[in-house]
Amino acid sequence: MSTTKNEPKEYRLDALKWLMVIAVVAVGVVGNSMFSAQPLLYRVLALLALGLVGLAIASQTAKGSGLIQLLRESVVEVRKVVWPTRQETNQTTLLVVVVVIVMALILWGLDTIFGFVASKIIG
């Protein structure tokens, strides 16, 4: 039986695969605490290796495959984005800074006026 793009891929034993992922994570956590006397570099490398094994197992599940597909589609969408030029970025940033300063001055002025009026009313 050949698989084509139209046929949905079958994912068997997903629950078992997720249990394996949990086991790999548990081995990493317990191993990291048991080997705390070892140099940090070795522990980090071991955790990275276990993380890659866990990701490889998780990617073979329906949810993992869906996540990988989502990430691939996200990369395609990011490539479609028209990024602003350096000049446009500088101009937009300057405009935001000016608006923030103007609003800060307006709010400071209103606060001063309302504080003055409130102190006159209260006495």
PDB file of N, CA and C in Angstrom:
ATOM      1  N   MET A   1       0.838  -1.176   0.000  1.00  0.00           N
ATOM      2  CA  MET A   1       0.000   0.000   0.000  1.00  0.00           C
ATOM      3  C   MET A   1       0.888   1.245   0.000  1.00  0.00           C
ATOM      4  N   SER A   2       0.787   2.049  -1.008  1.00  0.00           N
ATOM      5  CA  SER A   2       1.594   3.257  -1.073  1.00  0.00           C
ATOM      6  C   SER A   2       0.805   4.425  -0.478  1.00  0.00           C
ATOM      7  N   THR A   3       1.549   5.296   0.160  1.00  0.00           N
ATOM      8  CA  THR A   3       0.888   6.467   0.745  1.00  0.00           C
ATOM      9  C   THR A   3       1.032   7.640  -0.196  1.00  0.00           C
ATOM     10  N   THR A   4      -0.034   8.359  -0.355  1.00  0.00           N
ATOM     11  CA  THR A   4      -0.015   9.570  -1.165  1.00  0.00           C
ATOM     12  C   THR A   4      -0.330  10.742  -0.263  1.00  0.00           C
ATOM     13  N   LYS A   5      -0.231  11.934  -0.804  1.00  0.00           N
ATOM     14  CA  LYS A   5      -0.479  13.123  -0.002  1.00  0.00           C
ATOM     15  C   LYS A   5      -1.935  13.243   0.428  1.00  0.00           C
ATOM     16  N   ASN A   6      -2.842  12.609  -0.302  1.00  0.00           N
ATOM     17  CA  ASN A   6      -4.252  12.710   0.014  1.00  0.00           C
ATOM     18  C   ASN A   6      -4.657  11.819   1.178  1.00  0.00           C
ATOM     19  N   GLU A   7      -3.908  10.747   1.400  1.00  0.00           N
ATOM     20  CA  GLU A   7      -4.244   9.835   2.476  1.00  0.00           C
ATOM     21  C   GLU A   7      -3.695  10.372   3.798  1.00  0.00           C
ATOM     22  N   PRO A   8      -4.536  10.386   4.844  1.00  0.00           N
ATOM     23  CA  PRO A   8      -4.017  10.840   6.135  1.00  0.00           C
ATOM     24  C   PRO A   8      -3.047   9.812   6.710  1.00  0.00           C
ATOM     25  N   LYS A   9      -1.994  10.310   7.323  1.00  0.00           N
ATOM     26  CA  LYS A   9      -0.992   9.443   7.918  1.00  0.00           C
ATOM     27  C   LYS A   9      -1.549   8.843   9.199  1.00  0.00           C
ATOM     28  N   GLU A  10      -1.308   7.551   9.383  1.00  0.00           N
ATOM     29  CA  GLU A  10      -1.788   6.889  10.588  1.00  0.00           C
ATOM     30  C   GLU A  10      -0.756   7.036  11.692  1.00  0.00           C
ATOM     31  N   TYR A  11      -1.235   7.371  12.857  1.00  0.00           N
ATOM     32  CA  TYR A  11      -0.365   7.491  14.024  1.00  0.00           C
ATOM     33  C   TYR A  11      -0.793   6.421  15.014  1.00  0.00           C
ATOM     34  N   ARG A  12       0.062   5.445  15.179  1.00  0.00           N
ATOM     35  CA  ARG A  12      -0.253   4.343  16.071  1.00  0.00           C
ATOM     36  C   ARG A  12       0.517   4.511  17.371  1.00  0.00           C
ATOM     37  N   LEU A  13      -0.092   4.051  18.427  1.00  0.00           N
ATOM     38  CA  LEU A  13       0.543   4.009  19.744  1.00  0.00           C
ATOM     39  C   LEU A  13       0.975   5.393  20.225  1.00  0.00           C
ATOM     40  N   ASP A  14       0.164   6.418  19.945  1.00  0.00           N
ATOM     41  CA  ASP A  14       0.514   7.776  20.377  1.00  0.00           C
ATOM     42  C   ASP A  14       0.650   7.863  21.894  1.00  0.00           C
ATOM     43  N   ALA A  15      -0.237   7.197  22.613  1.00  0.00           N
ATOM     44  CA  ALA A  15      -0.174   7.256  24.078  1.00  0.00           C
ATOM     45  C   ALA A  15       1.144   6.667  24.579  1.00  0.00           C
ATOM     46  N   LEU A  16       1.571   5.581  23.972  1.00  0.00           N
ATOM     47  CA  LEU A  16       2.837   4.963  24.366  1.00  0.00           C
ATOM     48  C   LEU A  16       4.014   5.894  24.048  1.00  0.00           C
ATOM     49  N   LYS A  17       3.946   6.557  22.921  1.00  0.00           N
ATOM     50  CA  LYS A  17       5.022   7.483  22.551  1.00  0.00           C
ATOM     51  C   LYS A  17       5.088   8.650  23.535  1.00  0.00           C
ATOM     52  N   TRP A  18       3.921   9.173  23.957  1.00  0.00           N
ATOM     53  CA  TRP A  18       3.928  10.265  24.924  1.00  0.00           C
ATOM     54  C   TRP A  18       4.439   9.783  26.275  1.00  0.00           C
ATOM     55  N   LEU A  19       4.149   8.542  26.644  1.00  0.00           N
ATOM     56  CA  LEU A  19       4.708   7.984  27.883  1.00  0.00           C
ATOM     57  C   LEU A  19       6.228   7.876  27.784  1.00  0.00           C
ATOM     58  N   MET A  20       6.718   7.542  26.594  1.00  0.00           N
ATOM     59  CA  MET A  20       8.170   7.481  26.393  1.00  0.00           C
ATOM     60  C   MET A  20       8.786   8.878  26.526  1.00  0.00           C
ATOM     61  N   VAL A  21       8.106   9.884  25.995  1.00  0.00           N
ATOM     62  CA  VAL A  21       8.600  11.262  26.120  1.00  0.00           C
ATOM     63  C   VAL A  21       8.655  11.661  27.595  1.00  0.00           C
ATOM     64  N   ILE A  22       7.597  11.336  28.337  1.00  0.00           N
ATOM     65  CA  ILE A  22       7.576  11.647  29.771  1.00  0.00           C
ATOM     66  C   ILE A  22       8.696  10.907  30.479  1.00  0.00           C
ATOM     67  N   ALA A  23       8.939   9.657  30.100  1.00  0.00           N
ATOM     68  CA  ALA A  23      10.022   8.891  30.710  1.00  0.00           C
ATOM     69  C   ALA A  23      11.380   9.522  30.415  1.00  0.00           C
ATOM     70  N   VAL A  24      11.572   9.973  29.196  1.00  0.00           N
ATOM     71  CA  VAL A  24      12.846  10.620  28.832  1.00  0.00           C
ATOM     72  C   VAL A  24      13.043  11.894  29.647  1.00  0.00           C
ATOM     73  N   VAL A  25      11.983  12.688  29.802  1.00  0.00           N
ATOM     74  CA  VAL A  25      12.075  13.909  30.605  1.00  0.00           C
ATOM     75  C   VAL A  25      12.372  13.561  32.063  1.00  0.00           C
ATOM     76  N   ALA A  26      11.708  12.522  32.565  1.00  0.00           N
ATOM     77  CA  ALA A  26      11.949  12.106  33.951  1.00  0.00           C
ATOM     78  C   ALA A  26      13.383  11.640  34.143  1.00  0.00           C
ATOM     79  N   VAL A  27      13.916  10.883  33.186  1.00  0.00           N
ATOM     80  CA  VAL A  27      15.311  10.454  33.258  1.00  0.00           C
ATOM     81  C   VAL A  27      16.231  11.673  33.280  1.00  0.00           C
ATOM     82  N   GLY A  28      15.922  12.681  32.494  1.00  0.00           N
ATOM     83  CA  GLY A  28      16.740  13.895  32.487  1.00  0.00           C
ATOM     84  C   GLY A  28      16.709  14.617  33.820  1.00  0.00           C
ATOM     85  N   VAL A  29      15.527  14.739  34.404  1.00  0.00           N
ATOM     86  CA  VAL A  29      15.400  15.445  35.682  1.00  0.00           C
ATOM     87  C   VAL A  29      16.117  14.679  36.787  1.00  0.00           C
ATOM     88  N   VAL A  30      15.835  13.375  36.878  1.00  0.00           N
ATOM     89  CA  VAL A  30      16.447  12.565  37.936  1.00  0.00           C
ATOM     90  C   VAL A  30      17.950  12.461  37.722  1.00  0.00           C
ATOM     91  N   GLY A  31      18.356  12.243  36.476  1.00  0.00           N
ATOM     92  CA  GLY A  31      19.786  12.141  36.186  1.00  0.00           C
ATOM     93  C   GLY A  31      20.531  13.427  36.486  1.00  0.00           C
ATOM     94  N   ASN A  32      19.903  14.557  36.210  1.00  0.00           N
ATOM     95  CA  ASN A  32      20.549  15.839  36.490  1.00  0.00           C
ATOM     96  C   ASN A  32      20.773  16.019  37.988  1.00  0.00           C
ATOM     97  N   SER A  33      19.807  15.596  38.789  1.00  0.00           N
ATOM     98  CA  SER A  33      19.981  15.737  40.236  1.00  0.00           C
ATOM     99  C   SER A  33      20.943  14.688  40.791  1.00  0.00           C
ATOM    100  N   MET A  34      20.932  13.477  40.224  1.00  0.00           N
ATOM    101  CA  MET A  34      21.835  12.428  40.720  1.00  0.00           C
ATOM    102  C   MET A  34      23.292  12.724  40.378  1.00  0.00           C
ATOM    103  N   PHE A  35      23.514  13.324  39.237  1.00  0.00           N
ATOM    104  CA  PHE A  35      24.874  13.607  38.798  1.00  0.00           C
ATOM    105  C   PHE A  35      25.232  15.077  39.006  1.00  0.00           C
ATOM    106  N   SER A  36      24.733  15.660  40.072  1.00  0.00           N
ATOM    107  CA  SER A  36      24.988  17.079  40.330  1.00  0.00           C
ATOM    108  C   SER A  36      26.459  17.365  40.609  1.00  0.00           C
ATOM    109  N   ALA A  37      27.236  16.339  40.960  1.00  0.00           N
ATOM    110  CA  ALA A  37      28.659  16.541  41.218  1.00  0.00           C
ATOM    111  C   ALA A  37      29.461  16.635  39.922  1.00  0.00           C
ATOM    112  N   GLN A  38      28.873  16.196  38.824  1.00  0.00           N
ATOM    113  CA  GLN A  38      29.568  16.245  37.539  1.00  0.00           C
ATOM    114  C   GLN A  38      29.608  17.685  37.019  1.00  0.00           C
ATOM    115  N   PRO A  39      30.551  17.980  36.131  1.00  0.00           N
ATOM    116  CA  PRO A  39      30.623  19.336  35.569  1.00  0.00           C
ATOM    117  C   PRO A  39      29.319  19.719  34.850  1.00  0.00           C
ATOM    118  N   LEU A  40      28.993  20.995  34.935  1.00  0.00           N
ATOM    119  CA  LEU A  40      27.754  21.507  34.357  1.00  0.00           C
ATOM    120  C   LEU A  40      27.679  21.253  32.852  1.00  0.00           C
ATOM    121  N   LEU A  41      28.803  21.368  32.167  1.00  0.00           N
ATOM    122  CA  LEU A  41      28.826  21.170  30.717  1.00  0.00           C
ATOM    123  C   LEU A  41      28.316  19.782  30.339  1.00  0.00           C
ATOM    124  N   TYR A  42      28.765  18.754  31.047  1.00  0.00           N
ATOM    125  CA  TYR A  42      28.340  17.390  30.735  1.00  0.00           C
ATOM    126  C   TYR A  42      26.853  17.211  30.995  1.00  0.00           C
ATOM    127  N   ARG A  43      26.376  17.798  32.085  1.00  0.00           N
ATOM    128  CA  ARG A  43      24.951  17.672  32.397  1.00  0.00           C
ATOM    129  C   ARG A  43      24.097  18.392  31.357  1.00  0.00           C
ATOM    130  N   VAL A  44      24.546  19.576  30.920  1.00  0.00           N
ATOM    131  CA  VAL A  44      23.802  20.319  29.897  1.00  0.00           C
ATOM    132  C   VAL A  44      23.789  19.555  28.579  1.00  0.00           C
ATOM    133  N   LEU A  45      24.927  18.983  28.200  1.00  0.00           N
ATOM    134  CA  LEU A  45      24.979  18.205  26.961  1.00  0.00           C
ATOM    135  C   LEU A  45      24.074  16.981  27.044  1.00  0.00           C
ATOM    136  N   ALA A  46      24.061  16.313  28.201  1.00  0.00           N
ATOM    137  CA  ALA A  46      23.185  15.155  28.376  1.00  0.00           C
ATOM    138  C   ALA A  46      21.717  15.574  28.298  1.00  0.00           C
ATOM    139  N   LEU A  47      21.372  16.705  28.924  1.00  0.00           N
ATOM    140  CA  LEU A  47      19.989  17.180  28.867  1.00  0.00           C
ATOM    141  C   LEU A  47      19.595  17.574  27.453  1.00  0.00           C
ATOM    142  N   LEU A  48      20.502  18.189  26.709  1.00  0.00           N
ATOM    143  CA  LEU A  48      20.211  18.523  25.311  1.00  0.00           C
ATOM    144  C   LEU A  48      19.987  17.266  24.478  1.00  0.00           C
ATOM    145  N   ALA A  49      20.826  16.247  24.704  1.00  0.00           N
ATOM    146  CA  ALA A  49      20.663  14.992  23.968  1.00  0.00           C
ATOM    147  C   ALA A  49      19.320  14.347  24.311  1.00  0.00           C
ATOM    148  N   LEU A  50      18.979  14.312  25.597  1.00  0.00           N
ATOM    149  CA  LEU A  50      17.691  13.743  25.997  1.00  0.00           C
ATOM    150  C   LEU A  50      16.532  14.567  25.447  1.00  0.00           C
ATOM    151  N   GLY A  51      16.691  15.884  25.406  1.00  0.00           N
ATOM    152  CA  GLY A  51      15.655  16.738  24.833  1.00  0.00           C
ATOM    153  C   GLY A  51      15.442  16.445  23.360  1.00  0.00           C
ATOM    154  N   LEU A  52      16.532  16.241  22.627  1.00  0.00           N
ATOM    155  CA  LEU A  52      16.414  15.917  21.201  1.00  0.00           C
ATOM    156  C   LEU A  52      15.745  14.560  21.004  1.00  0.00           C
ATOM    157  N   VAL A  53      16.079  13.595  21.874  1.00  0.00           N
ATOM    158  CA  VAL A  53      15.438  12.283  21.787  1.00  0.00           C
ATOM    159  C   VAL A  53      13.945  12.431  22.062  1.00  0.00           C
ATOM    160  N   GLY A  54      13.596  13.202  23.092  1.00  0.00           N
ATOM    161  CA  GLY A  54      12.187  13.429  23.419  1.00  0.00           C
ATOM    162  C   GLY A  54      11.451  14.113  22.282  1.00  0.00           C
ATOM    163  N   LEU A  55      12.080  15.116  21.665  1.00  0.00           N
ATOM    164  CA  LEU A  55      11.452  15.791  20.530  1.00  0.00           C
ATOM    165  C   LEU A  55      11.292  14.864  19.332  1.00  0.00           C
ATOM    166  N   ALA A  56      12.277  14.002  19.111  1.00  0.00           N
ATOM    167  CA  ALA A  56      12.185  13.059  17.994  1.00  0.00           C
ATOM    168  C   ALA A  56      11.022  12.093  18.205  1.00  0.00           C
ATOM    169  N   ILE A  57      10.860  11.637  19.434  1.00  0.00           N
ATOM    170  CA  ILE A  57       9.745  10.725  19.725  1.00  0.00           C
ATOM    171  C   ILE A  57       8.418  11.479  19.603  1.00  0.00           C
ATOM    172  N   ALA A  58       8.359  12.682  20.164  1.00  0.00           N
ATOM    173  CA  ALA A  58       7.114  13.454  20.134  1.00  0.00           C
ATOM    174  C   ALA A  58       6.724  13.824  18.707  1.00  0.00           C
ATOM    175  N   SER A  59       7.696  14.026  17.841  1.00  0.00           N
ATOM    176  CA  SER A  59       7.373  14.410  16.461  1.00  0.00           C
ATOM    177  C   SER A  59       6.726  13.274  15.681  1.00  0.00           C
ATOM    178  N   GLN A  60       6.799  12.062  16.208  1.00  0.00           N
ATOM    179  CA  GLN A  60       6.192  10.915  15.541  1.00  0.00           C
ATOM    180  C   GLN A  60       4.720  10.731  15.917  1.00  0.00           C
ATOM    181  N   THR A  61       4.188  11.621  16.774  1.00  0.00           N
ATOM    182  CA  THR A  61       2.791  11.548  17.177  1.00  0.00           C
ATOM    183  C   THR A  61       1.960  12.498  16.318  1.00  0.00           C
ATOM    184  N   ALA A  62       0.650  12.394  16.424  1.00  0.00           N
ATOM    185  CA  ALA A  62      -0.240  13.262  15.644  1.00  0.00           C
ATOM    186  C   ALA A  62      -0.071  14.715  16.054  1.00  0.00           C
ATOM    187  N   LYS A  63      -0.033  14.972  17.358  1.00  0.00           N
ATOM    188  CA  LYS A  63       0.126  16.357  17.832  1.00  0.00           C
ATOM    189  C   LYS A  63       1.501  16.906  17.470  1.00  0.00           C
ATOM    190  N   GLY A  64       2.534  16.096  17.607  1.00  0.00           N
ATOM    191  CA  GLY A  64       3.882  16.532  17.266  1.00  0.00           C
ATOM    192  C   GLY A  64       4.026  16.833  15.789  1.00  0.00           C
ATOM    193  N   SER A  65       3.421  15.995  14.963  1.00  0.00           N
ATOM    194  CA  SER A  65       3.459  16.225  13.520  1.00  0.00           C
ATOM    195  C   SER A  65       2.719  17.506  13.162  1.00  0.00           C
ATOM    196  N   GLY A  66       1.591  17.746  13.856  1.00  0.00           N
ATOM    197  CA  GLY A  66       0.846  18.981  13.621  1.00  0.00           C
ATOM    198  C   GLY A  66       1.653  20.204  14.006  1.00  0.00           C
ATOM    199  N   LEU A  67       2.399  20.113  15.111  1.00  0.00           N
ATOM    200  CA  LEU A  67       3.237  21.227  15.543  1.00  0.00           C
ATOM    201  C   LEU A  67       4.349  21.503  14.535  1.00  0.00           C
ATOM    202  N   ILE A  68       4.955  20.455  14.030  1.00  0.00           N
ATOM    203  CA  ILE A  68       6.015  20.634  13.033  1.00  0.00           C
ATOM    204  C   ILE A  68       5.445  21.286  11.774  1.00  0.00           C
ATOM    205  N   GLN A  69       4.268  20.853  11.357  1.00  0.00           N
ATOM    206  CA  GLN A  69       3.619  21.458  10.190  1.00  0.00           C
ATOM    207  C   GLN A  69       3.326  22.931  10.434  1.00  0.00           C
ATOM    208  N   LEU A  70       2.847  23.267  11.632  1.00  0.00           N
ATOM    209  CA  LEU A  70       2.574  24.657  11.992  1.00  0.00           C
ATOM    210  C   LEU A  70       3.848  25.492  11.935  1.00  0.00           C
ATOM    211  N   LEU A  71       4.950  24.956  12.449  1.00  0.00           N
ATOM    212  CA  LEU A  71       6.214  25.694  12.420  1.00  0.00           C
ATOM    213  C   LEU A  71       6.692  25.920  10.984  1.00  0.00           C
ATOM    214  N   ARG A  72       6.526  24.926  10.141  1.00  0.00           N
ATOM    215  CA  ARG A  72       6.920  25.089   8.730  1.00  0.00           C
ATOM    216  C   ARG A  72       6.084  26.165   8.047  1.00  0.00           C
ATOM    217  N   GLU A  73       4.777  26.147   8.307  1.00  0.00           N
ATOM    218  CA  GLU A  73       3.907  27.159   7.713  1.00  0.00           C
ATOM    219  C   GLU A  73       4.217  28.546   8.271  1.00  0.00           C
ATOM    220  N   SER A  74       4.610  28.617   9.533  1.00  0.00           N
ATOM    221  CA  SER A  74       4.980  29.907  10.129  1.00  0.00           C
ATOM    222  C   SER A  74       6.212  30.487   9.452  1.00  0.00           C
ATOM    223  N   VAL A  75       7.183  29.646   9.152  1.00  0.00           N
ATOM    224  CA  VAL A  75       8.385  30.120   8.457  1.00  0.00           C
ATOM    225  C   VAL A  75       8.018  30.673   7.088  1.00  0.00           C
ATOM    226  N   VAL A  76       7.113  30.011   6.401  1.00  0.00           N
ATOM    227  CA  VAL A  76       6.666  30.491   5.084  1.00  0.00           C
ATOM    228  C   VAL A  76       5.999  31.858   5.228  1.00  0.00           C
ATOM    229  N   GLU A  77       5.150  32.014   6.253  1.00  0.00           N
ATOM    230  CA  GLU A  77       4.462  33.293   6.456  1.00  0.00           C
ATOM    231  C   GLU A  77       5.433  34.404   6.832  1.00  0.00           C
ATOM    232  N   VAL A  78       6.451  34.095   7.631  1.00  0.00           N
ATOM    233  CA  VAL A  78       7.433  35.116   8.007  1.00  0.00           C
ATOM    234  C   VAL A  78       8.197  35.593   6.777  1.00  0.00           C
ATOM    235  N   ARG A  79       8.441  34.707   5.850  1.00  0.00           N
ATOM    236  CA  ARG A  79       9.139  35.108   4.619  1.00  0.00           C
ATOM    237  C   ARG A  79       8.293  36.049   3.766  1.00  0.00           C
ATOM    238  N   LYS A  80       6.963  36.008   3.933  1.00  0.00           N
ATOM    239  CA  LYS A  80       6.075  36.869   3.157  1.00  0.00           C
ATOM    240  C   LYS A  80       5.975  38.278   3.737  1.00  0.00           C
ATOM    241  N   VAL A  81       6.443  38.477   4.959  1.00  0.00           N
ATOM    242  CA  VAL A  81       6.314  39.769   5.622  1.00  0.00           C
ATOM    243  C   VAL A  81       7.206  40.795   4.929  1.00  0.00           C
ATOM    244  N   VAL A  82       6.667  41.987   4.722  1.00  0.00           N
ATOM    245  CA  VAL A  82       7.457  43.087   4.177  1.00  0.00           C
ATOM    246  C   VAL A  82       7.973  43.888   5.374  1.00  0.00           C
ATOM    247  N   TRP A  83       9.250  43.756   5.632  1.00  0.00           N
ATOM    248  CA  TRP A  83       9.841  44.403   6.799  1.00  0.00           C
ATOM    249  C   TRP A  83      10.151  45.860   6.467  1.00  0.00           C
ATOM    250  N   PRO A  84       9.988  46.764   7.443  1.00  0.00           N
ATOM    251  CA  PRO A  84      10.275  48.182   7.175  1.00  0.00           C
ATOM    252  C   PRO A  84      11.776  48.411   7.007  1.00  0.00           C
ATOM    253  N   THR A  85      12.083  49.494   6.276  1.00  0.00           N
ATOM    254  CA  THR A  85      13.484  49.853   6.111  1.00  0.00           C
ATOM    255  C   THR A  85      13.998  50.493   7.394  1.00  0.00           C
ATOM    256  N   ARG A  86      15.280  50.684   7.460  1.00  0.00           N
ATOM    257  CA  ARG A  86      15.879  51.306   8.647  1.00  0.00           C
ATOM    258  C   ARG A  86      15.328  52.720   8.836  1.00  0.00           C
ATOM    259  N   GLN A  87      15.179  53.465   7.753  1.00  0.00           N
ATOM    260  CA  GLN A  87      14.664  54.830   7.844  1.00  0.00           C
ATOM    261  C   GLN A  87      13.222  54.832   8.356  1.00  0.00           C
ATOM    262  N   GLU A  88      12.390  53.926   7.845  1.00  0.00           N
ATOM    263  CA  GLU A  88      11.002  53.843   8.318  1.00  0.00           C
ATOM    264  C   GLU A  88      10.942  53.480   9.799  1.00  0.00           C
ATOM    265  N   THR A  89      11.810  52.588  10.218  1.00  0.00           N
ATOM    266  CA  THR A  89      11.850  52.197  11.630  1.00  0.00           C
ATOM    267  C   THR A  89      12.257  53.373  12.500  1.00  0.00           C
ATOM    268  N   ASN A  90      13.276  54.110  12.085  1.00  0.00           N
ATOM    269  CA  ASN A  90      13.730  55.277  12.857  1.00  0.00           C
ATOM    270  C   ASN A  90      12.636  56.335  12.942  1.00  0.00           C
ATOM    271  N   GLN A  91      11.963  56.604  11.811  1.00  0.00           N
ATOM    272  CA  GLN A  91      10.908  57.619  11.813  1.00  0.00           C
ATOM    273  C   GLN A  91       9.740  57.211  12.704  1.00  0.00           C
ATOM    274  N   THR A  92       9.346  55.955  12.643  1.00  0.00           N
ATOM    275  CA  THR A  92       8.244  55.475  13.471  1.00  0.00           C
ATOM    276  C   THR A  92       8.619  55.539  14.950  1.00  0.00           C
ATOM    277  N   THR A  93       9.835  55.146  15.278  1.00  0.00           N
ATOM    278  CA  THR A  93      10.288  55.200  16.667  1.00  0.00           C
ATOM    279  C   THR A  93      10.307  56.627  17.170  1.00  0.00           C
ATOM    280  N   LEU A  94      10.802  57.551  16.361  1.00  0.00           N
ATOM    281  CA  LEU A  94      10.841  58.960  16.755  1.00  0.00           C
ATOM    282  C   LEU A  94       9.421  59.491  16.970  1.00  0.00           C
ATOM    283  N   LEU A  95       8.504  59.124  16.106  1.00  0.00           N
ATOM    284  CA  LEU A  95       7.119  59.559  16.252  1.00  0.00           C
ATOM    285  C   LEU A  95       6.512  59.029  17.552  1.00  0.00           C
ATOM    286  N   VAL A  96       6.771  57.771  17.872  1.00  0.00           N
ATOM    287  CA  VAL A  96       6.255  57.190  19.119  1.00  0.00           C
ATOM    288  C   VAL A  96       6.838  57.909  20.324  1.00  0.00           C
ATOM    289  N   VAL A  97       8.131  58.210  20.312  1.00  0.00           N
ATOM    290  CA  VAL A  97       8.763  58.917  21.430  1.00  0.00           C
ATOM    291  C   VAL A  97       8.156  60.302  21.593  1.00  0.00           C
ATOM    292  N   VAL A  98       7.939  61.028  20.501  1.00  0.00           N
ATOM    293  CA  VAL A  98       7.354  62.367  20.575  1.00  0.00           C
ATOM    294  C   VAL A  98       5.937  62.300  21.139  1.00  0.00           C
ATOM    295  N   VAL A  99       5.129  61.343  20.671  1.00  0.00           N
ATOM    296  CA  VAL A  99       3.758  61.215  21.172  1.00  0.00           C
ATOM    297  C   VAL A  99       3.757  60.870  22.649  1.00  0.00           C
ATOM    298  N   VAL A 100       4.654  60.009  23.083  1.00  0.00           N
ATOM    299  CA  VAL A 100       4.732  59.653  24.506  1.00  0.00           C
ATOM    300  C   VAL A 100       5.107  60.881  25.333  1.00  0.00           C
ATOM    301  N   ILE A 101       6.061  61.671  24.878  1.00  0.00           N
ATOM    302  CA  ILE A 101       6.459  62.873  25.621  1.00  0.00           C
ATOM    303  C   ILE A 101       5.304  63.870  25.684  1.00  0.00           C
ATOM    304  N   VAL A 102       4.622  64.091  24.564  1.00  0.00           N
ATOM    305  CA  VAL A 102       3.490  65.026  24.550  1.00  0.00           C
ATOM    306  C   VAL A 102       2.395  64.544  25.499  1.00  0.00           C
ATOM    307  N   MET A 103       2.066  63.266  25.457  1.00  0.00           N
ATOM    308  CA  MET A 103       1.031  62.738  26.350  1.00  0.00           C
ATOM    309  C   MET A 103       1.464  62.833  27.810  1.00  0.00           C
ATOM    310  N   ALA A 104       2.741  62.607  28.081  1.00  0.00           N
ATOM    311  CA  ALA A 104       3.238  62.732  29.452  1.00  0.00           C
ATOM    312  C   ALA A 104       3.086  64.170  29.942  1.00  0.00           C
ATOM    313  N   LEU A 105       3.390  65.135  29.085  1.00  0.00           N
ATOM    314  CA  LEU A 105       3.240  66.542  29.480  1.00  0.00           C
ATOM    315  C   LEU A 105       1.769  66.897  29.707  1.00  0.00           C
ATOM    316  N   ILE A 106       0.887  66.406  28.840  1.00  0.00           N
ATOM    317  CA  ILE A 106      -0.548  66.669  29.015  1.00  0.00           C
ATOM    318  C   ILE A 106      -1.038  66.075  30.326  1.00  0.00           C
ATOM    319  N   LEU A 107      -0.678  64.818  30.597  1.00  0.00           N
ATOM    320  CA  LEU A 107      -1.106  64.181  31.842  1.00  0.00           C
ATOM    321  C   LEU A 107      -0.500  64.874  33.064  1.00  0.00           C
ATOM    322  N   TRP A 108       0.752  65.317  32.971  1.00  0.00           N
ATOM    323  CA  TRP A 108       1.379  66.045  34.082  1.00  0.00           C
ATOM    324  C   TRP A 108       0.630  67.356  34.336  1.00  0.00           C
ATOM    325  N   GLY A 109       0.290  68.031  33.252  1.00  0.00           N
ATOM    326  CA  GLY A 109      -0.449  69.293  33.402  1.00  0.00           C
ATOM    327  C   GLY A 109      -1.824  69.066  34.012  1.00  0.00           C
ATOM    328  N   LEU A 110      -2.554  68.073  33.541  1.00  0.00           N
ATOM    329  CA  LEU A 110      -3.868  67.769  34.110  1.00  0.00           C
ATOM    330  C   LEU A 110      -3.754  67.380  35.582  1.00  0.00           C
ATOM    331  N   ASP A 111      -2.756  66.589  35.911  1.00  0.00           N
ATOM    332  CA  ASP A 111      -2.554  66.179  37.297  1.00  0.00           C
ATOM    333  C   ASP A 111      -2.262  67.387  38.180  1.00  0.00           C
ATOM    334  N   THR A 112      -1.457  68.295  37.675  1.00  0.00           N
ATOM    335  CA  THR A 112      -1.128  69.502  38.450  1.00  0.00           C
ATOM    336  C   THR A 112      -2.371  70.362  38.657  1.00  0.00           C
ATOM    337  N   ILE A 113      -3.137  70.567  37.601  1.00  0.00           N
ATOM    338  CA  ILE A 113      -4.353  71.390  37.707  1.00  0.00           C
ATOM    339  C   ILE A 113      -5.355  70.748  38.655  1.00  0.00           C
ATOM    340  N   PHE A 114      -5.634  69.441  38.479  1.00  0.00           N
ATOM    341  CA  PHE A 114      -6.606  68.766  39.346  1.00  0.00           C
ATOM    342  C   PHE A 114      -6.113  68.710  40.797  1.00  0.00           C
ATOM    343  N   GLY A 115      -4.811  68.552  40.988  1.00  0.00           N
ATOM    344  CA  GLY A 115      -4.266  68.567  42.349  1.00  0.00           C
ATOM    345  C   GLY A 115      -4.420  69.927  42.990  1.00  0.00           C
ATOM    346  N   PHE A 116      -4.182  70.980  42.208  1.00  0.00           N
ATOM    347  CA  PHE A 116      -4.346  72.346  42.734  1.00  0.00           C
ATOM    348  C   PHE A 116      -5.796  72.612  43.093  1.00  0.00           C
ATOM    349  N   VAL A 117      -6.732  72.237  42.196  1.00  0.00           N
ATOM    350  CA  VAL A 117      -8.156  72.440  42.449  1.00  0.00           C
ATOM    351  C   VAL A 117      -8.598  71.622  43.666  1.00  0.00           C
ATOM    352  N   ALA A 118      -8.150  70.378  43.765  1.00  0.00           N
ATOM    353  CA  ALA A 118      -8.528  69.541  44.902  1.00  0.00           C
ATOM    354  C   ALA A 118      -7.989  70.098  46.203  1.00  0.00           C
ATOM    355  N   SER A 119      -6.762  70.633  46.181  1.00  0.00           N
ATOM    356  CA  SER A 119      -6.215  71.197  47.435  1.00  0.00           C
ATOM    357  C   SER A 119      -6.966  72.478  47.839  1.00  0.00           C
ATOM    358  N   LYS A 120      -7.470  73.233  46.870  1.00  0.00           N
ATOM    359  CA  LYS A 120      -8.257  74.428  47.192  1.00  0.00           C
ATOM    360  C   LYS A 120      -9.625  74.039  47.756  1.00  0.00           C
ATOM    361  N   ILE A 121     -10.227  72.963  47.212  1.00  0.00           N
ATOM    362  CA  ILE A 121     -11.537  72.523  47.700  1.00  0.00           C
ATOM    363  C   ILE A 121     -11.401  71.922  49.098  1.00  0.00           C
ATOM    364  N   ILE A 122     -10.417  71.072  49.299  1.00  0.00           N
ATOM    365  CA  ILE A 122     -10.239  70.416  50.594  1.00  0.00           C
ATOM    366  C   ILE A 122      -9.749  71.407  51.639  1.00  0.00           C
ATOM    367  N   GLY A 123      -8.958  72.334  51.230  1.00  0.00           N
ATOM    368  CA  GLY A 123      -8.541  73.379  52.160  1.00  0.00           C
ATOM    369  C   GLY A 123      -7.148  73.205  52.533  1.00  0.00           C
TER     370      GLY A 123
END
